[in-house]
Amino acid sequence: MAAPGTDIGFTHIALVCTDADKTIDFYTRFAGMKLIHDRTDGGTRVFWLSDLRRAFAVVFLEAKQGEEPLGPFGHLGVCVESRARVDELVALAGTEGRAFSGPTDTGPPVGYWAFIQDPDGHTLEVSYGQSVEFAVQESQ
C-alpha cells in the first residue's frame, strides 16, 4: 500500500446529502459500506463511506438543500454476494417505500441488477455477476 497522501488513480466521488445519518444508514445497509471519515468543516458535515476493499470512497457533504441527484441512469454501483441478496435488497427497498426498478438479468458482463434510490434520490445499483475486475485485468 502507498504511503499516506500518495494515492494514485480514481479515489472518490462526491455527492450532497440532506441528512447525514439517514445517508450513512442507507449505504451501510444497502451497499455494505462503512463510515471511514467524519468531520465538520466550516459548520458543514463531511463524511466518507467505503467498502474497505480498495482505496475508494464516496464523499458526502451534508447541506440543507440537496443537488440534482444521480439518476435515473447515473448511479453508484455495488456488487453483492448473490442473486438472493439482490432480491433481499429490492424487497427491503419496497418495505421502506424506496423507489426501485428490477431486478433484471441482462447476462454477462452486466449480470443480475436493480436500481434503488437513496434518501436524496441518488440511484444505487445493486448487482450480482458483473465482470468489471476481469475486464480490467484483460485490458492491462
Protein backbone atom coordinates (compact mmCIF):
# COMPACT_ATOMS: atom_id res chain seq x y z
CA MET A 1 0.00 0.00 0.00
CA ALA A 2 1.22 3.50 -0.81
CA ALA A 3 2.25 5.92 1.91
CA PRO A 4 -0.45 8.34 3.13
CA GLY A 5 -1.02 11.16 0.68
CA THR A 6 0.27 9.20 -2.30
CA ASP A 7 -2.95 7.67 -3.64
CA ILE A 8 -2.91 7.42 -7.42
CA GLY A 9 -5.91 6.86 -9.66
CA PHE A 10 -9.64 7.14 -9.12
CA THR A 11 -10.14 7.72 -5.35
CA HIS A 12 -13.64 9.09 -4.77
CA ILE A 13 -16.90 10.52 -5.96
CA ALA A 14 -18.53 13.38 -4.03
CA LEU A 15 -22.26 13.92 -3.55
CA VAL A 16 -24.52 16.17 -1.49
CA CYS A 17 -26.97 14.74 1.04
CA THR A 18 -29.55 16.45 3.25
CA ASP A 19 -29.39 14.09 6.26
CA ALA A 20 -26.02 12.51 7.06
CA ASP A 21 -27.39 9.94 9.49
CA LYS A 22 -30.01 8.67 7.02
CA THR A 23 -27.40 8.51 4.26
CA ILE A 24 -24.90 6.61 6.42
CA ASP A 25 -27.64 4.17 7.46
CA PHE A 26 -28.73 3.61 3.84
CA TYR A 27 -25.26 2.92 2.42
CA THR A 28 -24.33 0.73 5.39
CA ARG A 29 -27.39 -1.48 4.86
CA PHE A 30 -27.76 -1.41 1.08
CA ALA A 31 -24.12 -1.18 -0.08
CA GLY A 32 -22.17 -2.79 2.77
CA MET A 33 -20.17 0.41 3.29
CA LYS A 34 -18.59 1.71 6.49
CA LEU A 35 -18.02 5.23 7.78
CA ILE A 36 -14.26 5.86 7.49
CA HIS A 37 -14.07 9.64 8.00
CA ASP A 38 -16.41 12.18 9.60
CA ARG A 39 -15.69 15.84 10.27
CA THR A 40 -17.31 19.24 10.48
CA ASP A 41 -15.61 21.72 8.18
CA GLY A 42 -16.74 25.34 8.49
CA GLY A 43 -20.03 24.21 10.02
CA THR A 44 -20.66 21.62 7.30
CA ARG A 45 -20.56 17.90 7.97
CA VAL A 46 -18.39 15.96 5.53
CA PHE A 47 -18.06 12.19 5.71
CA TRP A 48 -16.58 9.37 3.69
CA LEU A 49 -18.02 5.88 3.16
CA SER A 50 -16.05 2.91 1.81
CA ASP A 51 -16.44 -0.82 1.27
CA LEU A 52 -12.83 -1.18 2.54
CA ARG A 53 -11.87 -3.30 -0.49
CA ARG A 54 -9.87 -0.67 -2.37
CA ALA A 55 -8.66 2.93 -1.94
CA PHE A 56 -12.01 4.44 -2.95
CA ALA A 57 -14.65 6.36 -1.00
CA VAL A 58 -17.96 8.05 -1.59
CA VAL A 59 -17.63 11.51 -0.06
CA PHE A 60 -20.80 13.23 1.15
CA LEU A 61 -21.31 16.84 2.11
CA GLU A 62 -24.42 17.49 4.20
CA ALA A 63 -26.39 20.55 3.11
CA LYS A 64 -29.82 21.95 3.91
CA GLN A 65 -30.70 21.71 0.23
CA GLY A 66 -29.66 18.82 -1.99
CA GLU A 67 -28.38 18.97 -5.53
CA GLU A 68 -29.78 17.30 -8.61
CA PRO A 69 -29.48 13.58 -7.75
CA LEU A 70 -27.62 10.94 -9.72
CA GLY A 71 -30.17 9.18 -11.83
CA PRO A 72 -32.30 7.87 -13.15
CA PHE A 73 -29.46 6.20 -15.09
CA GLY A 74 -26.47 7.96 -13.48
CA HIS A 75 -25.68 5.77 -10.47
CA LEU A 76 -23.27 4.28 -7.98
CA GLY A 77 -22.86 0.54 -8.42
CA VAL A 78 -22.05 -2.20 -5.91
CA CYS A 79 -21.82 -5.93 -6.42
CA VAL A 80 -23.21 -8.25 -3.77
CA GLU A 81 -22.57 -11.90 -2.98
CA SER A 82 -25.62 -13.49 -4.63
CA ARG A 83 -28.79 -13.07 -6.67
CA ALA A 84 -30.70 -13.76 -3.46
CA ARG A 85 -29.03 -10.73 -1.84
CA VAL A 86 -30.13 -8.52 -4.76
CA ASP A 87 -33.67 -9.83 -4.22
CA GLU A 88 -33.44 -9.16 -0.45
CA LEU A 89 -32.32 -5.57 -1.01
CA VAL A 90 -35.11 -4.94 -3.53
CA ALA A 91 -37.63 -6.35 -1.03
CA LEU A 92 -36.19 -4.15 1.73
CA ALA A 93 -36.41 -1.11 -0.55
CA GLY A 94 -40.06 -1.95 -1.16
CA THR A 95 -40.87 -2.22 2.55
CA GLU A 96 -39.22 1.18 3.11
CA GLY A 97 -41.13 2.82 0.27
CA ARG A 98 -37.96 3.49 -1.71
CA ALA A 99 -38.22 3.80 -5.47
CA PHE A 100 -36.58 0.92 -7.27
CA SER A 101 -36.53 -0.88 -10.58
CA GLY A 102 -35.70 -4.50 -11.28
CA PRO A 103 -34.26 -6.86 -10.60
CA THR A 104 -33.27 -7.51 -14.19
CA ASP A 105 -30.98 -10.21 -15.58
CA THR A 106 -29.08 -8.97 -18.63
CA GLY A 107 -26.44 -11.71 -18.62
CA PRO A 108 -22.67 -11.22 -18.81
CA PRO A 109 -20.95 -8.89 -18.30
CA VAL A 110 -23.69 -6.89 -16.51
CA GLY A 111 -25.39 -9.69 -14.60
CA TYR A 112 -28.42 -9.50 -12.31
CA TRP A 113 -29.13 -6.00 -11.06
CA ALA A 114 -31.61 -3.50 -9.65
CA PHE A 115 -31.72 0.26 -9.06
CA ILE A 116 -32.66 1.59 -5.61
CA GLN A 117 -32.97 5.26 -4.62
CA ASP A 118 -31.14 6.56 -1.55
CA PRO A 119 -32.71 9.14 0.82
CA ASP A 120 -31.81 12.02 -1.53
CA GLY A 121 -32.88 10.33 -4.75
CA HIS A 122 -29.39 9.24 -5.87
CA THR A 123 -29.54 5.90 -7.68
CA LEU A 124 -27.67 2.89 -6.28
CA GLU A 125 -27.29 -0.18 -8.47
CA VAL A 126 -27.00 -3.47 -6.57
CA SER A 127 -25.84 -6.35 -8.74
CA TYR A 128 -24.56 -9.88 -8.86
CA GLY A 129 -22.39 -11.34 -11.62
CA GLN A 130 -20.76 -8.25 -13.06
CA SER A 131 -17.29 -8.71 -14.51
CA VAL A 132 -15.54 -5.37 -14.03
CA GLU A 133 -12.48 -6.93 -12.39
CA PHE A 134 -11.99 -9.34 -15.29
CA ALA A 135 -12.39 -6.59 -17.88
CA VAL A 136 -9.74 -4.52 -16.09
CA GLN A 137 -7.34 -7.48 -15.89
CA GLU A 138 -7.83 -8.30 -19.58
CA SER A 139 -7.13 -4.72 -20.63
CA GLN A 140 -3.77 -4.46 -18.84
